[in-house]
């Protein structure tokens, strides 16, 4: 639906990229996405996911691997540093919170929360995912609409 890689493709490509050297991983979750579905309906929610996917692709591809892991959760893998990737995600967040998505004559403001970590090796990918997820939940617990990293 979104045109992005799925979970399986993300992990396959991630392992390949990590054979080339360390990468930075970001796990991203849309804030209060359930409220979008509840208020505007699932069709509008699907269009939000599509537009967010396009924005992530525009802001991070071709150097980054961008994927939808499921629901409103996305992942990025990039050669950028943690700090650089976190800054770029926060800049995208600023765009999202100041310029609404226009869907079916609705103006929808959305934000994202993210956790960012460095992955050194293919063997460290699972631990990095756990760490990025921990940072993601710290961002959510601290008020959302933010990016957390080491």
N, C-alpha and C. Protein backbone atom coordinates (compact mmCIF):
# COMPACT_ATOMS: atom_id res chain seq x y z
N UNK A 1 0.82 -1.19 0.00
CA UNK A 1 0.00 0.00 0.00
C UNK A 1 0.87 1.27 0.00
N UNK A 2 1.93 1.27 0.78
CA UNK A 2 2.74 2.48 0.93
C UNK A 2 3.86 2.58 -0.11
N UNK A 3 4.16 1.49 -0.75
CA UNK A 3 5.27 1.48 -1.70
C UNK A 3 6.63 1.28 -1.05
N UNK A 4 6.66 1.17 0.28
CA UNK A 4 7.92 0.94 0.99
C UNK A 4 8.19 -0.55 1.14
N UNK A 5 9.44 -0.85 1.46
CA UNK A 5 9.79 -2.24 1.80
C UNK A 5 8.99 -2.67 3.01
N UNK A 6 8.74 -3.98 3.11
CA UNK A 6 8.06 -4.49 4.30
C UNK A 6 9.09 -4.97 5.31
N UNK A 7 8.61 -5.51 6.41
CA UNK A 7 9.47 -5.95 7.51
C UNK A 7 10.53 -6.95 7.06
N UNK A 8 10.11 -7.97 6.33
CA UNK A 8 11.04 -9.01 5.88
C UNK A 8 12.12 -8.43 4.98
N UNK A 9 11.72 -7.62 4.01
CA UNK A 9 12.69 -7.01 3.10
C UNK A 9 13.64 -6.08 3.86
N UNK A 10 13.12 -5.38 4.86
CA UNK A 10 13.96 -4.49 5.65
C UNK A 10 15.08 -5.28 6.34
N UNK A 11 14.73 -6.39 6.97
CA UNK A 11 15.73 -7.17 7.68
C UNK A 11 16.74 -7.80 6.73
N UNK A 12 16.28 -8.27 5.59
CA UNK A 12 17.21 -8.84 4.61
C UNK A 12 18.20 -7.78 4.12
N UNK A 13 17.70 -6.61 3.74
CA UNK A 13 18.58 -5.54 3.24
C UNK A 13 19.46 -4.99 4.36
N UNK A 14 18.94 -4.92 5.58
CA UNK A 14 19.73 -4.44 6.72
C UNK A 14 20.95 -5.32 6.94
N UNK A 15 20.75 -6.61 6.90
CA UNK A 15 21.86 -7.54 7.09
C UNK A 15 22.92 -7.35 6.00
N UNK A 16 22.47 -7.15 4.78
CA UNK A 16 23.39 -6.90 3.67
C UNK A 16 24.18 -5.60 3.90
N UNK A 17 23.49 -4.54 4.30
CA UNK A 17 24.14 -3.25 4.54
C UNK A 17 25.17 -3.35 5.67
N UNK A 18 24.84 -4.11 6.70
CA UNK A 18 25.75 -4.23 7.84
C UNK A 18 27.01 -5.02 7.51
N UNK A 19 26.96 -5.81 6.47
CA UNK A 19 28.18 -6.49 6.02
C UNK A 19 29.17 -5.49 5.44
N UNK A 20 28.68 -4.32 5.02
CA UNK A 20 29.51 -3.27 4.45
C UNK A 20 30.09 -2.35 5.53
N UNK A 21 29.53 -2.39 6.73
CA UNK A 21 30.00 -1.52 7.82
C UNK A 21 28.85 -1.06 8.68
N UNK A 22 29.15 -0.29 9.71
CA UNK A 22 28.12 0.14 10.65
C UNK A 22 27.09 1.04 9.97
N UNK A 23 25.91 1.04 10.54
CA UNK A 23 24.78 1.81 10.04
C UNK A 23 24.06 2.44 11.23
N UNK A 24 23.23 3.39 10.95
CA UNK A 24 22.38 3.98 11.98
C UNK A 24 20.95 3.54 11.73
N UNK A 25 20.30 3.11 12.79
CA UNK A 25 18.93 2.59 12.72
C UNK A 25 18.00 3.53 13.46
N UNK A 26 16.86 3.82 12.85
CA UNK A 26 15.81 4.60 13.51
C UNK A 26 14.52 3.82 13.45
N UNK A 27 13.87 3.69 14.58
CA UNK A 27 12.50 3.17 14.63
C UNK A 27 11.59 4.36 14.86
N UNK A 28 10.53 4.45 14.06
CA UNK A 28 9.66 5.62 14.02
C UNK A 28 8.22 5.17 14.21
N UNK A 29 7.49 5.91 15.01
CA UNK A 29 6.08 5.61 15.24
C UNK A 29 5.29 6.92 15.12
N UNK A 30 4.17 6.88 14.43
CA UNK A 30 3.32 8.07 14.31
C UNK A 30 2.57 8.26 15.62
N UNK A 31 2.57 9.47 16.12
CA UNK A 31 1.92 9.78 17.39
C UNK A 31 0.40 9.86 17.22
N UNK A 32 -0.30 9.22 18.14
CA UNK A 32 -1.77 9.27 18.21
C UNK A 32 -2.44 8.87 16.89
N UNK A 33 -1.84 7.92 16.18
CA UNK A 33 -2.40 7.51 14.90
C UNK A 33 -3.79 6.88 15.05
N UNK A 34 -4.02 6.19 16.14
CA UNK A 34 -5.34 5.59 16.37
C UNK A 34 -6.43 6.67 16.35
N UNK A 35 -6.11 7.85 16.86
CA UNK A 35 -7.08 8.94 16.85
C UNK A 35 -7.41 9.39 15.43
N UNK A 36 -6.44 9.32 14.53
CA UNK A 36 -6.70 9.66 13.13
C UNK A 36 -7.71 8.68 12.56
N UNK A 37 -7.48 7.38 12.78
CA UNK A 37 -8.42 6.37 12.30
C UNK A 37 -9.80 6.53 12.93
N UNK A 38 -9.83 6.80 14.24
CA UNK A 38 -11.11 6.92 14.95
C UNK A 38 -11.88 8.16 14.50
N UNK A 39 -11.18 9.26 14.27
CA UNK A 39 -11.85 10.51 13.93
C UNK A 39 -12.21 10.61 12.44
N UNK A 40 -11.29 10.19 11.58
CA UNK A 40 -11.48 10.40 10.14
C UNK A 40 -11.79 9.12 9.36
N UNK A 41 -11.59 7.96 9.97
CA UNK A 41 -11.83 6.69 9.30
C UNK A 41 -10.54 6.06 8.79
N UNK A 42 -10.62 4.76 8.55
CA UNK A 42 -9.43 4.00 8.15
C UNK A 42 -8.96 4.34 6.74
N UNK A 43 -9.85 4.74 5.87
CA UNK A 43 -9.41 5.15 4.53
C UNK A 43 -8.49 6.37 4.61
N UNK A 44 -8.87 7.34 5.42
CA UNK A 44 -8.03 8.52 5.61
C UNK A 44 -6.73 8.10 6.30
N UNK A 45 -6.82 7.22 7.29
CA UNK A 45 -5.62 6.71 7.96
C UNK A 45 -4.66 6.07 6.97
N UNK A 46 -5.20 5.29 6.03
CA UNK A 46 -4.35 4.68 4.99
C UNK A 46 -3.65 5.75 4.17
N UNK A 47 -4.36 6.81 3.84
CA UNK A 47 -3.75 7.89 3.06
C UNK A 47 -2.68 8.65 3.86
N UNK A 48 -2.89 8.75 5.17
CA UNK A 48 -1.86 9.34 6.02
C UNK A 48 -0.59 8.48 5.94
N UNK A 49 -0.75 7.17 6.05
CA UNK A 49 0.40 6.26 5.96
C UNK A 49 1.11 6.39 4.62
N UNK A 50 0.36 6.52 3.56
CA UNK A 50 0.93 6.67 2.23
C UNK A 50 1.71 7.98 2.14
N UNK A 51 1.13 9.08 2.62
CA UNK A 51 1.82 10.37 2.54
C UNK A 51 3.07 10.39 3.43
N UNK A 52 2.98 9.80 4.61
CA UNK A 52 4.15 9.74 5.49
C UNK A 52 5.25 8.91 4.83
N UNK A 53 4.87 7.82 4.20
CA UNK A 53 5.83 6.98 3.48
C UNK A 53 6.54 7.78 2.40
N UNK A 54 5.78 8.57 1.67
CA UNK A 54 6.37 9.40 0.61
C UNK A 54 7.32 10.43 1.20
N UNK A 55 6.92 11.06 2.30
CA UNK A 55 7.78 12.05 2.94
C UNK A 55 9.08 11.42 3.46
N UNK A 56 8.98 10.26 4.08
CA UNK A 56 10.17 9.57 4.55
C UNK A 56 11.10 9.24 3.38
N UNK A 57 10.52 8.76 2.31
CA UNK A 57 11.32 8.44 1.13
C UNK A 57 12.00 9.69 0.57
N UNK A 58 11.26 10.76 0.46
CA UNK A 58 11.82 12.01 -0.08
C UNK A 58 12.94 12.56 0.79
N UNK A 59 12.78 12.44 2.11
CA UNK A 59 13.77 13.01 3.03
C UNK A 59 15.00 12.13 3.22
N UNK A 60 14.88 10.82 2.98
CA UNK A 60 15.98 9.93 3.35
C UNK A 60 16.52 9.04 2.22
N UNK A 61 15.73 8.70 1.24
CA UNK A 61 16.26 7.90 0.14
C UNK A 61 17.03 8.81 -0.80
N UNK A 62 17.96 8.38 -1.58
CA UNK A 62 18.29 6.98 -1.84
C UNK A 62 19.34 6.40 -0.89
N UNK A 63 19.97 7.22 -0.03
CA UNK A 63 21.05 6.68 0.80
C UNK A 63 20.53 5.83 1.95
N UNK A 64 19.27 5.96 2.29
CA UNK A 64 18.72 5.22 3.42
C UNK A 64 17.73 4.16 2.95
N UNK A 65 17.67 3.11 3.72
CA UNK A 65 16.66 2.09 3.54
C UNK A 65 15.46 2.51 4.39
N UNK A 66 14.31 2.66 3.75
CA UNK A 66 13.09 3.08 4.45
C UNK A 66 12.07 1.97 4.32
N UNK A 67 11.45 1.59 5.43
CA UNK A 67 10.48 0.48 5.41
C UNK A 67 9.34 0.74 6.37
N UNK A 68 8.23 0.14 6.06
CA UNK A 68 7.09 0.13 7.00
C UNK A 68 7.11 -1.23 7.67
N UNK A 69 7.30 -1.23 8.98
CA UNK A 69 7.37 -2.49 9.70
C UNK A 69 5.99 -3.06 9.97
N UNK A 70 5.00 -2.21 10.07
CA UNK A 70 3.64 -2.65 10.34
C UNK A 70 2.87 -1.52 10.99
N UNK A 71 1.56 -1.52 10.82
CA UNK A 71 0.75 -0.46 11.42
C UNK A 71 1.30 0.90 11.07
N UNK A 72 1.56 1.71 12.10
CA UNK A 72 2.10 3.05 11.89
C UNK A 72 3.58 3.11 12.30
N UNK A 73 4.26 1.96 12.26
CA UNK A 73 5.67 1.91 12.63
C UNK A 73 6.55 1.76 11.39
N UNK A 74 7.58 2.60 11.35
CA UNK A 74 8.51 2.62 10.22
C UNK A 74 9.93 2.43 10.74
N UNK A 75 10.83 2.07 9.82
CA UNK A 75 12.24 1.93 10.16
C UNK A 75 13.08 2.57 9.07
N UNK A 76 14.22 3.10 9.49
CA UNK A 76 15.20 3.67 8.57
C UNK A 76 16.55 3.07 8.92
N UNK A 77 17.35 2.82 7.90
CA UNK A 77 18.74 2.45 8.12
C UNK A 77 19.56 3.31 7.18
N UNK A 78 20.59 3.96 7.74
CA UNK A 78 21.36 4.93 6.98
C UNK A 78 22.82 4.91 7.41
N UNK A 79 23.68 5.43 6.54
CA UNK A 79 25.08 5.60 6.90
C UNK A 79 25.31 6.89 7.68
N UNK A 80 24.29 7.72 7.78
CA UNK A 80 24.41 8.97 8.54
C UNK A 80 24.68 8.65 10.01
N UNK A 81 25.28 9.60 10.72
CA UNK A 81 25.52 9.42 12.15
C UNK A 81 24.19 9.47 12.91
N UNK A 82 24.22 9.00 14.15
CA UNK A 82 23.01 9.08 15.00
C UNK A 82 22.53 10.52 15.09
N UNK A 83 23.46 11.42 15.36
CA UNK A 83 23.10 12.82 15.52
C UNK A 83 22.48 13.39 14.25
N UNK A 84 23.10 13.11 13.10
CA UNK A 84 22.59 13.63 11.83
C UNK A 84 21.21 13.06 11.52
N UNK A 85 21.05 11.76 11.71
CA UNK A 85 19.75 11.14 11.44
C UNK A 85 18.68 11.69 12.39
N UNK A 86 19.03 11.86 13.66
CA UNK A 86 18.08 12.42 14.62
C UNK A 86 17.68 13.85 14.23
N UNK A 87 18.67 14.65 13.81
CA UNK A 87 18.36 16.02 13.37
C UNK A 87 17.43 16.01 12.16
N UNK A 88 17.69 15.15 11.20
CA UNK A 88 16.86 15.10 10.00
C UNK A 88 15.44 14.64 10.33
N UNK A 89 15.31 13.70 11.25
CA UNK A 89 13.98 13.26 11.67
C UNK A 89 13.25 14.37 12.40
N UNK A 90 13.96 15.11 13.24
CA UNK A 90 13.32 16.21 13.96
C UNK A 90 12.91 17.32 13.00
N UNK A 91 13.71 17.56 11.95
CA UNK A 91 13.34 18.55 10.94
C UNK A 91 12.07 18.11 10.21
N UNK A 92 11.98 16.83 9.90
CA UNK A 92 10.75 16.32 9.28
C UNK A 92 9.58 16.48 10.24
N UNK A 93 9.81 16.23 11.50
CA UNK A 93 8.76 16.41 12.51
C UNK A 93 8.24 17.84 12.51
N UNK A 94 9.16 18.80 12.38
CA UNK A 94 8.76 20.21 12.36
C UNK A 94 7.87 20.49 11.16
N UNK A 95 8.21 19.92 10.02
CA UNK A 95 7.37 20.07 8.81
C UNK A 95 5.99 19.47 9.07
N UNK A 96 5.95 18.27 9.64
CA UNK A 96 4.68 17.59 9.88
C UNK A 96 3.78 18.37 10.83
N UNK A 97 4.37 18.97 11.84
CA UNK A 97 3.56 19.65 12.85
C UNK A 97 3.15 21.06 12.45
N UNK A 98 3.77 21.60 11.41
CA UNK A 98 3.42 22.96 10.98
C UNK A 98 2.67 23.00 9.65
N UNK A 99 2.76 21.92 8.89
CA UNK A 99 2.07 21.86 7.60
C UNK A 99 1.19 20.61 7.58
N UNK A 100 -0.11 20.77 7.66
CA UNK A 100 -0.98 19.60 7.74
C UNK A 100 -0.98 18.79 6.44
N UNK A 101 -1.26 17.51 6.59
CA UNK A 101 -1.49 16.67 5.43
C UNK A 101 -2.91 16.96 4.94
N UNK A 102 -3.08 17.09 3.66
CA UNK A 102 -4.40 17.36 3.09
C UNK A 102 -4.92 16.07 2.48
N UNK A 103 -5.95 15.52 3.11
CA UNK A 103 -6.51 14.23 2.69
C UNK A 103 -8.03 14.33 2.72
N UNK A 104 -8.64 14.07 1.58
CA UNK A 104 -10.11 14.08 1.48
C UNK A 104 -10.70 15.35 2.10
N UNK A 105 -10.15 16.48 1.72
CA UNK A 105 -10.59 17.79 2.20
C UNK A 105 -10.42 17.97 3.71
N UNK A 106 -9.66 17.10 4.33
CA UNK A 106 -9.34 17.21 5.76
C UNK A 106 -7.90 17.72 5.90
N UNK A 107 -7.66 18.55 6.87
CA UNK A 107 -6.31 19.01 7.20
C UNK A 107 -5.89 18.26 8.46
N UNK A 108 -4.90 17.38 8.31
CA UNK A 108 -4.52 16.50 9.42
C UNK A 108 -3.08 16.80 9.84
N UNK A 109 -2.94 17.19 11.10
CA UNK A 109 -1.61 17.38 11.67
C UNK A 109 -1.19 16.07 12.33
N UNK A 110 0.04 15.71 12.12
CA UNK A 110 0.56 14.47 12.70
C UNK A 110 1.99 14.72 13.13
N UNK A 111 2.46 13.95 14.07
CA UNK A 111 3.86 14.04 14.48
C UNK A 111 4.39 12.62 14.62
N UNK A 112 5.70 12.54 14.80
CA UNK A 112 6.31 11.23 14.97
C UNK A 112 7.22 11.24 16.18
N UNK A 113 7.43 10.05 16.70
CA UNK A 113 8.42 9.83 17.75
C UNK A 113 9.38 8.79 17.19
N UNK A 114 10.66 8.91 17.58
CA UNK A 114 11.65 7.99 17.04
C UNK A 114 12.75 7.70 18.05
N UNK A 115 13.33 6.52 17.89
CA UNK A 115 14.52 6.12 18.63
C UNK A 115 15.61 5.80 17.63
N UNK A 116 16.82 6.29 17.89
CA UNK A 116 17.92 6.17 16.94
C UNK A 116 19.15 5.58 17.63
N UNK A 117 19.76 4.58 17.00
CA UNK A 117 20.97 3.94 17.53
C UNK A 117 21.91 3.56 16.38
N UNK A 118 23.16 3.33 16.74
CA UNK A 118 24.13 2.83 15.77
C UNK A 118 24.18 1.31 15.87
N UNK A 119 24.26 0.67 14.71
CA UNK A 119 24.39 -0.79 14.63
C UNK A 119 25.77 -1.07 14.06
N UNK A 120 26.58 -1.79 14.80
CA UNK A 120 27.95 -2.05 14.37
C UNK A 120 28.07 -3.25 13.43
N UNK A 121 27.32 -4.31 13.74
CA UNK A 121 27.47 -5.56 12.99
C UNK A 121 26.11 -6.19 12.74
N UNK A 122 26.11 -7.11 11.81
CA UNK A 122 24.89 -7.87 11.51
C UNK A 122 24.40 -8.61 12.76
N UNK A 123 25.33 -9.14 13.54
CA UNK A 123 24.97 -9.88 14.76
C UNK A 123 24.36 -8.96 15.81
N UNK A 124 24.64 -7.66 15.73
CA UNK A 124 24.12 -6.72 16.71
C UNK A 124 22.78 -6.12 16.34
N UNK A 125 22.20 -6.53 15.22
CA UNK A 125 20.96 -5.92 14.75
C UNK A 125 19.81 -6.09 15.74
N UNK A 126 19.62 -7.29 16.28
CA UNK A 126 18.51 -7.50 17.21
C UNK A 126 18.65 -6.65 18.46
N UNK A 127 19.86 -6.56 19.01
CA UNK A 127 20.09 -5.72 20.19
C UNK A 127 19.86 -4.25 19.85
N UNK A 128 20.26 -3.84 18.65
CA UNK A 128 20.05 -2.45 18.23
C UNK A 128 18.57 -2.13 18.10
N UNK A 129 17.80 -3.07 17.61
CA UNK A 129 16.35 -2.86 17.50
C UNK A 129 15.74 -2.68 18.88
N UNK A 130 16.17 -3.49 19.83
CA UNK A 130 15.67 -3.35 21.20
C UNK A 130 16.06 -1.99 21.77
N UNK A 131 17.29 -1.56 21.53
CA UNK A 131 17.74 -0.26 22.04
C UNK A 131 16.98 0.89 21.37
N UNK A 132 16.80 0.81 20.05
CA UNK A 132 16.05 1.87 19.34
C UNK A 132 14.61 1.91 19.84
N UNK A 133 14.04 0.76 20.07
CA UNK A 133 12.67 0.70 20.58
C UNK A 133 12.58 1.32 21.98
N UNK A 134 13.60 1.10 22.80
CA UNK A 134 13.64 1.71 24.13
C UNK A 134 13.69 3.23 24.03
N UNK A 135 14.53 3.75 23.12
CA UNK A 135 14.59 5.20 22.91
C UNK A 135 13.26 5.73 22.36
N UNK A 136 12.63 4.97 21.46
CA UNK A 136 11.33 5.36 20.92
C UNK A 136 10.31 5.50 22.05
N UNK A 137 10.27 4.54 22.96
CA UNK A 137 9.30 4.62 24.06
C UNK A 137 9.65 5.74 25.03
N UNK A 138 10.93 6.05 25.19
CA UNK A 138 11.30 7.21 26.01
C UNK A 138 10.77 8.50 25.37
N UNK A 139 10.85 8.59 24.05
CA UNK A 139 10.31 9.75 23.35
C UNK A 139 8.81 9.86 23.56
N UNK A 140 8.12 8.73 23.47
CA UNK A 140 6.66 8.73 23.67
C UNK A 140 6.31 9.08 25.11
N UNK A 141 7.04 8.48 26.05
CA UNK A 141 6.77 8.73 27.47
C UNK A 141 7.07 10.17 27.87
N UNK A 142 7.96 10.83 27.12
CA UNK A 142 8.36 12.19 27.45
C UNK A 142 7.55 13.24 26.70
N UNK A 143 6.40 12.85 26.13
CA UNK A 143 5.52 13.82 25.51
C UNK A 143 5.34 13.68 24.00
N UNK A 144 6.02 12.73 23.39
CA UNK A 144 5.91 12.47 21.95
C UNK A 144 6.50 13.61 21.13
N UNK A 145 6.40 13.46 19.81
CA UNK A 145 6.86 14.49 18.86
C UNK A 145 8.35 14.80 19.08
N UNK A 146 9.13 13.75 19.30
CA UNK A 146 10.56 13.95 19.52
C UNK A 146 11.36 12.73 19.10
N UNK A 147 12.66 12.93 19.01
CA UNK A 147 13.57 11.88 18.61
C UNK A 147 14.58 11.70 19.74
N UNK A 148 14.79 10.45 20.13
CA UNK A 148 15.74 10.16 21.21
C UNK A 148 16.85 9.26 20.66
N UNK A 149 18.07 9.54 21.11
CA UNK A 149 19.22 8.71 20.74
C UNK A 149 20.22 8.73 21.88
N UNK A 150 21.27 7.90 21.76
CA UNK A 150 22.31 7.86 22.80
C UNK A 150 23.03 9.19 22.82
